[in-house]
PDB file of N, CA and C in Angstrom:
ATOM      1  N   MET A   1       0.692  13.807  11.670  1.00  0.00           N
ATOM      2  CA  MET A   1       0.826  12.583  10.994  1.00  0.00           C
ATOM      3  C   MET A   1      -0.506  12.126  10.140  1.00  0.00           C
ATOM      4  N   GLU A   2       0.245  11.782   9.037  1.00  0.00           N
ATOM      5  CA  GLU A   2      -0.788  11.860   7.649  1.00  0.00           C
ATOM      6  C   GLU A   2      -1.259  10.320   7.293  1.00  0.00           C
ATOM      7  N   ARG A   3      -3.185  10.126   7.048  1.00  0.00           N
ATOM      8  CA  ARG A   3      -3.725   9.368   6.936  1.00  0.00           C
ATOM      9  C   ARG A   3      -3.285   9.609   5.495  1.00  0.00           C
ATOM     10  N   VAL A   4      -3.288   8.391   4.118  1.00  0.00           N
ATOM     11  CA  VAL A   4      -2.642   7.602   3.894  1.00  0.00           C
ATOM     12  C   VAL A   4      -3.967   6.647   2.933  1.00  0.00           C
ATOM     13  N   CYS A   5      -4.829   7.199   1.619  1.00  0.00           N
ATOM     14  CA  CYS A   5      -5.212   6.711   1.070  1.00  0.00           C
ATOM     15  C   CYS A   5      -5.022   6.149  -0.169  1.00  0.00           C
ATOM     16  N   PHE A   6      -5.013   4.668  -0.831  1.00  0.00           N
ATOM     17  CA  PHE A   6      -4.974   4.480  -1.958  1.00  0.00           C
ATOM     18  C   PHE A   6      -5.607   3.886  -3.074  1.00  0.00           C
ATOM     19  N   LEU A   7      -5.573   3.401  -4.446  1.00  0.00           N
ATOM     20  CA  LEU A   7      -6.264   2.264  -5.228  1.00  0.00           C
ATOM     21  C   LEU A   7      -5.410   1.848  -6.043  1.00  0.00           C
ATOM     22  N   LEU A   8      -5.429   0.624  -5.971  1.00  0.00           N
ATOM     23  CA  LEU A   8      -4.590  -0.027  -6.977  1.00  0.00           C
ATOM     24  C   LEU A   8      -5.963  -0.655  -7.871  1.00  0.00           C
ATOM     25  N   ARG A   9      -5.308  -1.432  -9.040  1.00  0.00           N
ATOM     26  CA  ARG A   9      -6.265  -2.535  -9.237  1.00  0.00           C
ATOM     27  C   ARG A   9      -5.778  -3.583  -9.214  1.00  0.00           C
ATOM     28  N   VAL A  10      -6.114  -5.639  -9.245  1.00  0.00           N
ATOM     29  CA  VAL A  10      -6.215  -7.017  -8.659  1.00  0.00           C
ATOM     30  C   VAL A  10      -6.140  -6.806 -10.377  1.00  0.00           C
ATOM     31  N   ARG A  11      -5.891  -7.848 -10.553  1.00  0.00           N
ATOM     32  CA  ARG A  11      -6.307  -9.010 -12.286  1.00  0.00           C
ATOM     33  C   ARG A  11      -6.967  -9.687 -11.325  1.00  0.00           C
ATOM     34  N   PRO A  12      -8.126 -10.096 -11.730  1.00  0.00           N
ATOM     35  CA  PRO A  12      -9.163 -10.838 -11.606  1.00  0.00           C
ATOM     36  C   PRO A  12      -8.869 -11.608 -11.364  1.00  0.00           C
ATOM     37  N   ASP A  13      -8.381 -12.396 -12.054  1.00  0.00           N
ATOM     38  CA  ASP A  13      -7.472 -13.989 -12.445  1.00  0.00           C
ATOM     39  C   ASP A  13      -6.852 -14.392 -11.407  1.00  0.00           C
ATOM     40  N   ARG A  14      -6.436 -13.493 -10.474  1.00  0.00           N
ATOM     41  CA  ARG A  14      -5.153 -13.479  -9.689  1.00  0.00           C
ATOM     42  C   ARG A  14      -5.632 -13.223  -8.324  1.00  0.00           C
ATOM     43  N   LEU A  15      -7.023 -13.218  -7.692  1.00  0.00           N
ATOM     44  CA  LEU A  15      -7.131 -12.312  -6.894  1.00  0.00           C
ATOM     45  C   LEU A  15      -6.626 -13.301  -5.472  1.00  0.00           C
ATOM     46  N   ASP A  16      -6.975 -14.294  -5.855  1.00  0.00           N
ATOM     47  CA  ASP A  16      -7.205 -15.927  -4.688  1.00  0.00           C
ATOM     48  C   ASP A  16      -5.498 -15.668  -4.087  1.00  0.00           C
ATOM     49  N   GLU A  17      -4.647 -15.817  -5.393  1.00  0.00           N
ATOM     50  CA  GLU A  17      -2.679 -15.931  -4.806  1.00  0.00           C
ATOM     51  C   GLU A  17      -2.827 -14.484  -4.521  1.00  0.00           C
ATOM     52  N   TYR A  18      -3.492 -13.901  -5.096  1.00  0.00           N
ATOM     53  CA  TYR A  18      -3.032 -12.158  -3.976  1.00  0.00           C
ATOM     54  C   TYR A  18      -3.153 -12.332  -2.317  1.00  0.00           C
ATOM     55  N   ARG A  19      -4.623 -13.151  -2.382  1.00  0.00           N
ATOM     56  CA  ARG A  19      -4.639 -13.227  -1.066  1.00  0.00           C
ATOM     57  C   ARG A  19      -4.016 -14.177   0.112  1.00  0.00           C
ATOM     58  N   GLU A  20      -3.484 -15.007  -0.817  1.00  0.00           N
ATOM     59  CA  GLU A  20      -3.022 -15.813  -0.182  1.00  0.00           C
ATOM     60  C   GLU A  20      -1.838 -15.033   0.143  1.00  0.00           C
ATOM     61  N   ARG A  21      -0.830 -14.476  -0.835  1.00  0.00           N
ATOM     62  CA  ARG A  21       0.656 -14.274  -0.541  1.00  0.00           C
ATOM     63  C   ARG A  21       0.214 -12.709   0.344  1.00  0.00           C
ATOM     64  N   HIS A  22      -0.880 -11.981   0.181  1.00  0.00           N
ATOM     65  CA  HIS A  22      -0.628 -11.453   1.891  1.00  0.00           C
ATOM     66  C   HIS A  22      -0.982 -12.497   2.922  1.00  0.00           C
ATOM     67  N   ARG A  23      -0.825 -13.469   3.197  1.00  0.00           N
ATOM     68  CA  ARG A  23      -1.147 -14.040   4.515  1.00  0.00           C
ATOM     69  C   ARG A  23      -0.084 -14.834   4.468  1.00  0.00           C
ATOM     70  N   HIS A  24       1.379 -14.810   3.549  1.00  0.00           N
ATOM     71  CA  HIS A  24       2.920 -14.294   3.851  1.00  0.00           C
ATOM     72  C   HIS A  24       3.732 -13.807   3.709  1.00  0.00           C
ATOM     73  N   VAL A  25       3.809 -12.673   4.008  1.00  0.00           N
ATOM     74  CA  VAL A  25       4.166 -12.117   3.409  1.00  0.00           C
ATOM     75  C   VAL A  25       5.574 -11.770   4.026  1.00  0.00           C
ATOM     76  N   TRP A  26       6.831 -11.426   3.971  1.00  0.00           N
ATOM     77  CA  TRP A  26       8.016 -12.233   4.325  1.00  0.00           C
ATOM     78  C   TRP A  26       8.128 -11.071   5.370  1.00  0.00           C
ATOM     79  N   PRO A  27       8.710 -11.252   6.253  1.00  0.00           N
ATOM     80  CA  PRO A  27       8.647 -11.032   7.530  1.00  0.00           C
ATOM     81  C   PRO A  27       9.618  -9.483   7.051  1.00  0.00           C
ATOM     82  N   GLU A  28      11.205  -9.835   6.568  1.00  0.00           N
ATOM     83  CA  GLU A  28      12.195  -8.375   6.247  1.00  0.00           C
ATOM     84  C   GLU A  28      10.447  -7.405   5.505  1.00  0.00           C
ATOM     85  N   MET A  29      10.110  -7.468   4.535  1.00  0.00           N
ATOM     86  CA  MET A  29       9.393  -6.974   3.924  1.00  0.00           C
ATOM     87  C   MET A  29       8.395  -6.290   4.678  1.00  0.00           C
ATOM     88  N   LEU A  30       7.767  -6.637   6.067  1.00  0.00           N
ATOM     89  CA  LEU A  30       7.333  -6.145   7.706  1.00  0.00           C
ATOM     90  C   LEU A  30       8.178  -5.452   7.917  1.00  0.00           C
ATOM     91  N   ASP A  31       9.323  -6.364   7.883  1.00  0.00           N
ATOM     92  CA  ASP A  31      10.126  -5.257   9.205  1.00  0.00           C
ATOM     93  C   ASP A  31      10.867  -3.580   8.375  1.00  0.00           C
ATOM     94  N   ALA A  32      11.137  -4.102   6.715  1.00  0.00           N
ATOM     95  CA  ALA A  32      10.465  -2.694   5.707  1.00  0.00           C
ATOM     96  C   ALA A  32       9.815  -1.224   6.220  1.00  0.00           C
ATOM     97  N   LEU A  33       8.734  -1.867   5.733  1.00  0.00           N
ATOM     98  CA  LEU A  33       8.050  -1.084   5.549  1.00  0.00           C
ATOM     99  C   LEU A  33       7.768  -0.669   7.337  1.00  0.00           C
ATOM    100  N   ARG A  34       8.539  -1.677   8.381  1.00  0.00           N
ATOM    101  CA  ARG A  34       8.126  -0.942   9.719  1.00  0.00           C
ATOM    102  C   ARG A  34       9.230   0.263  10.219  1.00  0.00           C
ATOM    103  N   ALA A  35      10.690   0.185   9.541  1.00  0.00           N
ATOM    104  CA  ALA A  35      11.329   0.743  10.000  1.00  0.00           C
ATOM    105  C   ALA A  35      11.181   2.050   8.646  1.00  0.00           C
ATOM    106  N   ALA A  36      10.353   2.458   7.526  1.00  0.00           N
ATOM    107  CA  ALA A  36       9.542   3.641   6.475  1.00  0.00           C
ATOM    108  C   ALA A  36       9.070   4.046   7.328  1.00  0.00           C
ATOM    109  N   GLY A  37       8.046   3.310   8.279  1.00  0.00           N
ATOM    110  CA  GLY A  37       7.261   4.752   9.258  1.00  0.00           C
ATOM    111  C   GLY A  37       6.337   4.535   8.865  1.00  0.00           C
ATOM    112  N   TRP A  38       6.005   3.151   8.246  1.00  0.00           N
ATOM    113  CA  TRP A  38       4.695   3.029   7.880  1.00  0.00           C
ATOM    114  C   TRP A  38       3.534   2.483   8.967  1.00  0.00           C
ATOM    115  N   ARG A  39       2.271   2.448   9.327  1.00  0.00           N
ATOM    116  CA  ARG A  39       2.184   2.715  10.508  1.00  0.00           C
ATOM    117  C   ARG A  39       0.555   2.103  10.190  1.00  0.00           C
ATOM    118  N   ASN A  40      -0.004   1.670  10.479  1.00  0.00           N
ATOM    119  CA  ASN A  40      -1.555   1.609  10.751  1.00  0.00           C
ATOM    120  C   ASN A  40      -1.797   0.593   8.647  1.00  0.00           C
ATOM    121  N   TYR A  41      -0.813  -0.284   8.787  1.00  0.00           N
ATOM    122  CA  TYR A  41      -1.109  -0.303   7.269  1.00  0.00           C
ATOM    123  C   TYR A  41      -1.722  -1.297   6.376  1.00  0.00           C
ATOM    124  N   SER A  42      -2.663  -0.952   5.891  1.00  0.00           N
ATOM    125  CA  SER A  42      -4.444  -2.285   5.628  1.00  0.00           C
ATOM    126  C   SER A  42      -4.556  -1.787   4.415  1.00  0.00           C
ATOM    127  N   LEU A  43      -4.768  -3.481   3.701  1.00  0.00           N
ATOM    128  CA  LEU A  43      -5.194  -3.457   2.154  1.00  0.00           C
ATOM    129  C   LEU A  43      -6.473  -4.372   2.725  1.00  0.00           C
ATOM    130  N   PHE A  44      -7.251  -3.606   1.447  1.00  0.00           N
ATOM    131  CA  PHE A  44      -9.633  -3.558   1.515  1.00  0.00           C
ATOM    132  C   PHE A  44      -9.327  -4.729   0.063  1.00  0.00           C
ATOM    133  N   LEU A  45      -9.594  -5.343  -0.667  1.00  0.00           N
ATOM    134  CA  LEU A  45      -9.371  -5.474  -1.757  1.00  0.00           C
ATOM    135  C   LEU A  45     -11.579  -6.403  -1.812  1.00  0.00           C
ATOM    136  N   SER A  46     -11.501  -6.316  -3.154  1.00  0.00           N
ATOM    137  CA  SER A  46     -13.050  -6.679  -3.601  1.00  0.00           C
ATOM    138  C   SER A  46     -12.971  -7.673  -4.416  1.00  0.00           C
ATOM    139  N   ASP A  47     -14.433  -8.078  -4.892  1.00  0.00           N
ATOM    140  CA  ASP A  47     -14.398  -8.745  -5.353  1.00  0.00           C
ATOM    141  C   ASP A  47     -14.167  -8.974  -6.911  1.00  0.00           C
ATOM    142  N   ASP A  48     -13.823  -7.457  -7.550  1.00  0.00           N
ATOM    143  CA  ASP A  48     -13.943  -7.146  -9.223  1.00  0.00           C
ATOM    144  C   ASP A  48     -12.191  -6.531  -9.102  1.00  0.00           C
ATOM    145  N   GLY A  49     -11.546  -6.369  -8.088  1.00  0.00           N
ATOM    146  CA  GLY A  49      -9.827  -6.391  -7.853  1.00  0.00           C
ATOM    147  C   GLY A  49      -9.677  -5.247  -7.730  1.00  0.00           C
ATOM    148  N   LEU A  50     -10.784  -4.618  -6.755  1.00  0.00           N
ATOM    149  CA  LEU A  50     -10.083  -2.849  -6.198  1.00  0.00           C
ATOM    150  C   LEU A  50      -9.700  -2.948  -5.613  1.00  0.00           C
ATOM    151  N   LEU A  51      -8.550  -2.564  -5.173  1.00  0.00           N
ATOM    152  CA  LEU A  51      -7.672  -2.477  -4.074  1.00  0.00           C
ATOM    153  C   LEU A  51      -7.452  -1.679  -3.075  1.00  0.00           C
ATOM    154  N   VAL A  52      -7.615  -0.742  -1.859  1.00  0.00           N
ATOM    155  CA  VAL A  52      -7.800   0.290  -1.314  1.00  0.00           C
ATOM    156  C   VAL A  52      -7.277  -0.201  -0.850  1.00  0.00           C
ATOM    157  N   GLY A  53      -6.097   0.695  -0.645  1.00  0.00           N
ATOM    158  CA  GLY A  53      -4.632   0.369   0.951  1.00  0.00           C
ATOM    159  C   GLY A  53      -5.287   2.071   1.955  1.00  0.00           C
ATOM    160  N   TYR A  54      -4.812   1.955   3.200  1.00  0.00           N
ATOM    161  CA  TYR A  54      -4.810   2.692   3.929  1.00  0.00           C
ATOM    162  C   TYR A  54      -3.659   2.931   5.201  1.00  0.00           C
ATOM    163  N   LEU A  55      -2.614   3.970   5.033  1.00  0.00           N
ATOM    164  CA  LEU A  55      -1.495   3.701   5.770  1.00  0.00           C
ATOM    165  C   LEU A  55      -1.329   5.262   7.125  1.00  0.00           C
ATOM    166  N   GLU A  56      -0.375   5.368   7.770  1.00  0.00           N
ATOM    167  CA  GLU A  56      -0.453   6.791   8.394  1.00  0.00           C
ATOM    168  C   GLU A  56       0.937   6.362   8.641  1.00  0.00           C
ATOM    169  N   THR A  57       1.412   7.518   9.042  1.00  0.00           N
ATOM    170  CA  THR A  57       2.212   8.261   8.819  1.00  0.00           C
ATOM    171  C   THR A  57       3.075   9.134   8.921  1.00  0.00           C
ATOM    172  N   ASP A  58       4.116  10.271   9.645  1.00  0.00           N
ATOM    173  CA  ASP A  58       4.278  11.146  10.170  1.00  0.00           C
ATOM    174  C   ASP A  58       4.539  12.049   8.285  1.00  0.00           C
ATOM    175  N   ASP A  59       5.451  10.893   7.094  1.00  0.00           N
ATOM    176  CA  ASP A  59       6.172  11.721   6.203  1.00  0.00           C
ATOM    177  C   ASP A  59       6.000  11.014   5.671  1.00  0.00           C
ATOM    178  N   PHE A  60       4.849  11.018   4.434  1.00  0.00           N
ATOM    179  CA  PHE A  60       4.883   9.551   3.327  1.00  0.00           C
ATOM    180  C   PHE A  60       5.825   9.877   2.271  1.00  0.00           C
ATOM    181  N   GLU A  61       6.034  11.105   1.701  1.00  0.00           N
ATOM    182  CA  GLU A  61       7.052  10.509   0.660  1.00  0.00           C
ATOM    183  C   GLU A  61       8.888  10.834   1.678  1.00  0.00           C
ATOM    184  N   ALA A  62       8.188  11.010   2.940  1.00  0.00           N
ATOM    185  CA  ALA A  62       9.599  10.230   2.892  1.00  0.00           C
ATOM    186  C   ALA A  62       9.717   8.418   2.663  1.00  0.00           C
ATOM    187  N   ALA A  63       8.548   8.128   4.398  1.00  0.00           N
ATOM    188  CA  ALA A  63       8.162   6.865   3.851  1.00  0.00           C
ATOM    189  C   ALA A  63       8.006   6.189   2.999  1.00  0.00           C
ATOM    190  N   GLN A  64       7.929   6.757   1.416  1.00  0.00           N
ATOM    191  CA  GLN A  64       8.117   5.523   0.431  1.00  0.00           C
ATOM    192  C   GLN A  64       9.347   6.203  -0.742  1.00  0.00           C
ATOM    193  N   ARG A  65      10.445   6.833  -0.200  1.00  0.00           N
ATOM    194  CA  ARG A  65      11.671   7.315  -0.374  1.00  0.00           C
ATOM    195  C   ARG A  65      12.232   5.888   0.158  1.00  0.00           C
ATOM    196  N   ALA A  66      12.161   6.215   1.303  1.00  0.00           N
ATOM    197  CA  ALA A  66      12.508   4.859   2.781  1.00  0.00           C
ATOM    198  C   ALA A  66      12.641   3.185   1.746  1.00  0.00           C
ATOM    199  N   MET A  67      10.980   3.109   0.746  1.00  0.00           N
ATOM    200  CA  MET A  67      11.065   2.265   0.403  1.00  0.00           C
ATOM    201  C   MET A  67      11.168   2.165  -0.488  1.00  0.00           C
ATOM    202  N   ALA A  68      11.497   2.772  -1.207  1.00  0.00           N
ATOM    203  CA  ALA A  68      12.685   2.762  -2.347  1.00  0.00           C
ATOM    204  C   ALA A  68      13.295   2.368  -1.994  1.00  0.00           C
ATOM    205  N   ALA A  69      14.610   3.059  -1.180  1.00  0.00           N
ATOM    206  CA  ALA A  69      15.504   2.199  -0.632  1.00  0.00           C
ATOM    207  C   ALA A  69      15.609   0.966  -0.224  1.00  0.00           C
ATOM    208  N   ALA A  70      15.146   0.551  -0.063  1.00  0.00           N
ATOM    209  CA  ALA A  70      14.965  -0.429   0.320  1.00  0.00           C
ATOM    210  C   ALA A  70      15.115  -2.643  -0.115  1.00  0.00           C
ATOM    211  N   GLU A  71      16.339  -3.303  -0.389  1.00  0.00           N
ATOM    212  CA  GLU A  71      16.236  -4.107  -1.478  1.00  0.00           C
ATOM    213  C   GLU A  71      15.673  -5.283  -1.285  1.00  0.00           C
ATOM    214  N   VAL A  72      14.965  -5.500  -0.573  1.00  0.00           N
ATOM    215  CA  VAL A  72      13.915  -6.306   0.059  1.00  0.00           C
ATOM    216  C   VAL A  72      12.707  -5.437  -0.682  1.00  0.00           C
ATOM    217  N   SER A  73      11.984  -3.979  -0.719  1.00  0.00           N
ATOM    218  CA  SER A  73      10.919  -3.938  -1.360  1.00  0.00           C
ATOM    219  C   SER A  73      10.914  -3.625  -2.775  1.00  0.00           C
ATOM    220  N   ALA A  74      11.922  -3.979  -3.396  1.00  0.00           N
ATOM    221  CA  ALA A  74      12.595  -3.618  -5.174  1.00  0.00           C
ATOM    222  C   ALA A  74      12.270  -5.020  -5.212  1.00  0.00           C
ATOM    223  N   ARG A  75      12.569  -6.301  -4.213  1.00  0.00           N
ATOM    224  CA  ARG A  75      12.188  -7.762  -4.986  1.00  0.00           C
ATOM    225  C   ARG A  75      10.600  -7.872  -4.364  1.00  0.00           C
ATOM    226  N   TRP A  76       9.701  -7.655  -3.282  1.00  0.00           N
ATOM    227  CA  TRP A  76       8.490  -7.842  -3.310  1.00  0.00           C
ATOM    228  C   TRP A  76       8.073  -7.077  -4.693  1.00  0.00           C
ATOM    229  N   GLU A  77       8.609  -6.016  -4.789  1.00  0.00           N
ATOM    230  CA  GLU A  77       7.695  -5.180  -5.927  1.00  0.00           C
ATOM    231  C   GLU A  77       7.602  -5.765  -7.031  1.00  0.00           C
ATOM    232  N   THR A  78       8.631  -6.676  -7.748  1.00  0.00           N
ATOM    233  CA  THR A  78       9.015  -6.981  -8.965  1.00  0.00           C
ATOM    234  C   THR A  78       8.134  -8.518  -8.826  1.00  0.00           C
ATOM    235  N   ASP A  79       8.408  -9.009  -7.732  1.00  0.00           N
ATOM    236  CA  ASP A  79       7.993 -10.093  -7.340  1.00  0.00           C
ATOM    237  C   ASP A  79       6.490 -10.397  -7.652  1.00  0.00           C
ATOM    238  N   MET A  80       5.720  -8.771  -6.777  1.00  0.00           N
ATOM    239  CA  MET A  80       3.527  -8.095  -7.105  1.00  0.00           C
ATOM    240  C   MET A  80       3.411  -8.060  -8.219  1.00  0.00           C
ATOM    241  N   ALA A  81       4.372  -7.965  -8.751  1.00  0.00           N
ATOM    242  CA  ALA A  81       3.634  -6.387 -10.309  1.00  0.00           C
ATOM    243  C   ALA A  81       2.990  -7.761 -11.477  1.00  0.00           C
ATOM    244  N   SER A  82       2.977  -8.302 -11.371  1.00  0.00           N
ATOM    245  CA  SER A  82       2.162  -9.656 -12.196  1.00  0.00           C
ATOM    246  C   SER A  82       1.050  -9.652 -11.708  1.00  0.00           C
ATOM    247  N   PHE A  83       0.518  -8.572 -10.592  1.00  0.00           N
ATOM    248  CA  PHE A  83      -0.445  -8.788 -10.381  1.00  0.00           C
ATOM    249  C   PHE A  83      -1.685  -8.030 -10.442  1.00  0.00           C
ATOM    250  N   PHE A  84      -0.712  -6.524 -10.717  1.00  0.00           N
ATOM    251  CA  PHE A  84      -1.790  -6.054 -11.070  1.00  0.00           C
ATOM    252  C   PHE A  84      -1.923  -5.154 -12.341  1.00  0.00           C
ATOM    253  N   GLU A  85      -2.582  -4.546 -12.537  1.00  0.00           N
ATOM    254  CA  GLU A  85      -3.528  -4.107 -14.103  1.00  0.00           C
ATOM    255  C   GLU A  85      -1.918  -2.469 -14.831  1.00  0.00           C
ATOM    256  N   SER A  86      -1.016  -1.992 -13.536  1.00  0.00           N
ATOM    257  CA  SER A  86      -1.083  -1.079 -13.529  1.00  0.00           C
ATOM    258  C   SER A  86       0.460  -1.434 -13.851  1.00  0.00           C
ATOM    259  N   GLY A  87       0.826  -2.963 -13.671  1.00  0.00           N
ATOM    260  CA  GLY A  87       2.449  -3.464 -13.265  1.00  0.00           C
ATOM    261  C   GLY A  87       2.853  -2.652 -11.751  1.00  0.00           C
ATOM    262  N   ARG A  88       4.036  -2.801 -11.415  1.00  0.00           N
ATOM    263  CA  ARG A  88       3.866  -2.108 -10.107  1.00  0.00           C
ATOM    264  C   ARG A  88       3.647  -1.475  -9.502  1.00  0.00           C
ATOM    265  N   ALA A  89       3.391  -1.871  -7.455  1.00  0.00           N
ATOM    266  CA  ALA A  89       1.982  -0.898  -7.157  1.00  0.00           C
ATOM    267  C   ALA A  89       2.536   0.162  -6.981  1.00  0.00           C
ATOM    268  N   ASP A  90       4.073   0.051  -6.256  1.00  0.00           N
ATOM    269  CA  ASP A  90       4.224   1.180  -6.370  1.00  0.00           C
ATOM    270  C   ASP A  90       4.723   2.337  -6.443  1.00  0.00           C
ATOM    271  N   GLU A  91       4.062   1.798  -7.985  1.00  0.00           N
ATOM    272  CA  GLU A  91       3.916   2.554  -8.997  1.00  0.00           C
ATOM    273  C   GLU A  91       2.733   3.226 -10.021  1.00  0.00           C
ATOM    274  N   GLY A  92       1.667   2.599  -9.885  1.00  0.00           N
ATOM    275  CA  GLY A  92       1.538   3.076 -10.238  1.00  0.00           C
ATOM    276  C   GLY A  92      -0.353   3.173  -9.450  1.00  0.00           C
ATOM    277  N   ARG A  93      -0.063   3.434  -8.167  1.00  0.00           N
ATOM    278  CA  ARG A  93      -0.796   3.704  -7.405  1.00  0.00           C
ATOM    279  C   ARG A  93      -0.902   4.986  -7.109  1.00  0.00           C
ATOM    280  N   ILE A  94      -3.173   5.260  -6.645  1.00  0.00           N
ATOM    281  CA  ILE A  94      -3.484   6.429  -6.697  1.00  0.00           C
ATOM    282  C   ILE A  94      -3.826   6.333  -5.715  1.00  0.00           C
ATOM    283  N   VAL A  95      -3.378   7.857  -5.153  1.00  0.00           N
ATOM    284  CA  VAL A  95      -3.657   8.878  -3.433  1.00  0.00           C
ATOM    285  C   VAL A  95      -4.851   9.527  -3.579  1.00  0.00           C
ATOM    286  N   LEU A  96      -5.117   8.994  -3.117  1.00  0.00           N
ATOM    287  CA  LEU A  96      -7.058   9.679  -2.698  1.00  0.00           C
ATOM    288  C   LEU A  96      -6.561  10.923  -2.383  1.00  0.00           C
ATOM    289  N   GLU A  97      -7.203  12.275  -2.409  1.00  0.00           N
ATOM    290  CA  GLU A  97      -7.574  13.504  -1.090  1.00  0.00           C
ATOM    291  C   GLU A  97      -8.720  13.315  -0.013  1.00  0.00           C
ATOM    292  N   GLU A  98      -7.566  13.368   1.649  1.00  0.00           N
ATOM    293  CA  GLU A  98      -8.693  13.489   2.827  1.00  0.00           C
ATOM    294  C   GLU A  98      -9.507  14.370   2.332  1.00  0.00           C
ATOM    295  N   VAL A  99     -10.897  14.651   2.528  1.00  0.00           N
ATOM    296  CA  VAL A  99     -11.062  15.190   2.247  1.00  0.00           C
ATOM    297  C   VAL A  99     -12.152  15.340   3.115  1.00  0.00           C
ATOM    298  N   PHE A 100     -12.393  14.396   5.045  1.00  0.00           N
ATOM    299  CA  PHE A 100     -13.404  14.571   5.287  1.00  0.00           C
ATOM    300  C   PHE A 100     -12.664  13.492   6.723  1.00  0.00           C
ATOM    301  N   HIS A 101     -12.305  13.936   7.964  1.00  0.00           N
ATOM    302  CA  HIS A 101     -11.923  13.319   9.315  1.00  0.00           C
ATOM    303  C   HIS A 101     -12.651  12.735   9.940  1.00  0.00           C
ATOM    304  N   LEU A 102     -13.721  12.872  10.892  1.00  0.00           N
ATOM    305  CA  LEU A 102     -14.410  12.396  12.114  1.00  0.00           C
ATOM    306  C   LEU A 102     -13.908  13.186  13.427  1.00  0.00           C
ATOM    307  N   ASP A 103     -12.374  12.472  13.905  1.00  0.00           N
ATOM    308  CA  ASP A 103     -11.527  12.976  14.071  1.00  0.00           C
ATOM    309  C   ASP A 103     -11.183  14.347  14.480  1.00  0.00           C
ATOM    310  N   GLY A 104     -10.608  14.547  13.709  1.00  0.00           N
ATOM    311  CA  GLY A 104     -10.590  16.964  13.013  1.00  0.00           C
ATOM    312  C   GLY A 104     -11.787  16.792  12.649  1.00  0.00           C
ATOM    313  N   ILE A 105     -11.979  16.598  12.921  1.00  0.00           N
ATOM    314  CA  ILE A 105     -13.386  17.841  13.524  1.00  0.00           C
ATOM    315  C   ILE A 105     -14.041  18.046  11.856  1.00  0.00           C
ATOM    316  N   GLY A 106     -14.184  16.819  11.228  1.00  0.00           N
ATOM    317  CA  GLY A 106     -14.374  17.666   9.379  1.00  0.00           C
ATOM    318  C   GLY A 106     -13.335  17.854   8.889  1.00  0.00           C
ATOM    319  N   GLU A 107     -12.088  18.483   9.222  1.00  0.00           N
ATOM    320  CA  GLU A 107     -10.708  19.882   9.013  1.00  0.00           C
ATOM    321  C   GLU A 107     -10.106  18.640   8.306  1.00  0.00           C
ATOM    322  N   CYS A 108      -8.933  18.529   6.752  1.00  0.00           N
ATOM    323  CA  CYS A 108      -8.696  17.892   6.214  1.00  0.00           C
ATOM    324  C   CYS A 108      -7.322  18.863   5.559  1.00  0.00           C
ATOM    325  N   GLU A 109      -5.909  18.397   6.677  1.00  0.00           N
ATOM    326  CA  GLU A 109      -5.236  19.839   6.131  1.00  0.00           C
ATOM    327  C   GLU A 109      -4.361  19.568   4.712  1.00  0.00           C
TER     328      GLU A 109
END
């Protein structure tokens, strides 16, 4: 299993609307994420717009390809692009290297 953490930056003037959109994620988008193998997916947002995402998956590259092939994902990403300083989230996320995991006894692959 891969644990994936990524960063994005939400435009500060759109934070409230961004939060509201995520209270009502389209059911078909949720289904697509699950079908693509995204598990334990969480987003954390700071007041300055820093967005931290975390997910677990068997194969992140395959999960990303599955989402790229999902029509609902293309609609969601296009609809949400104006919230991000980098444009589309699926193109602008910065994936972080895992350097420690408590249950992994400090070793990360």
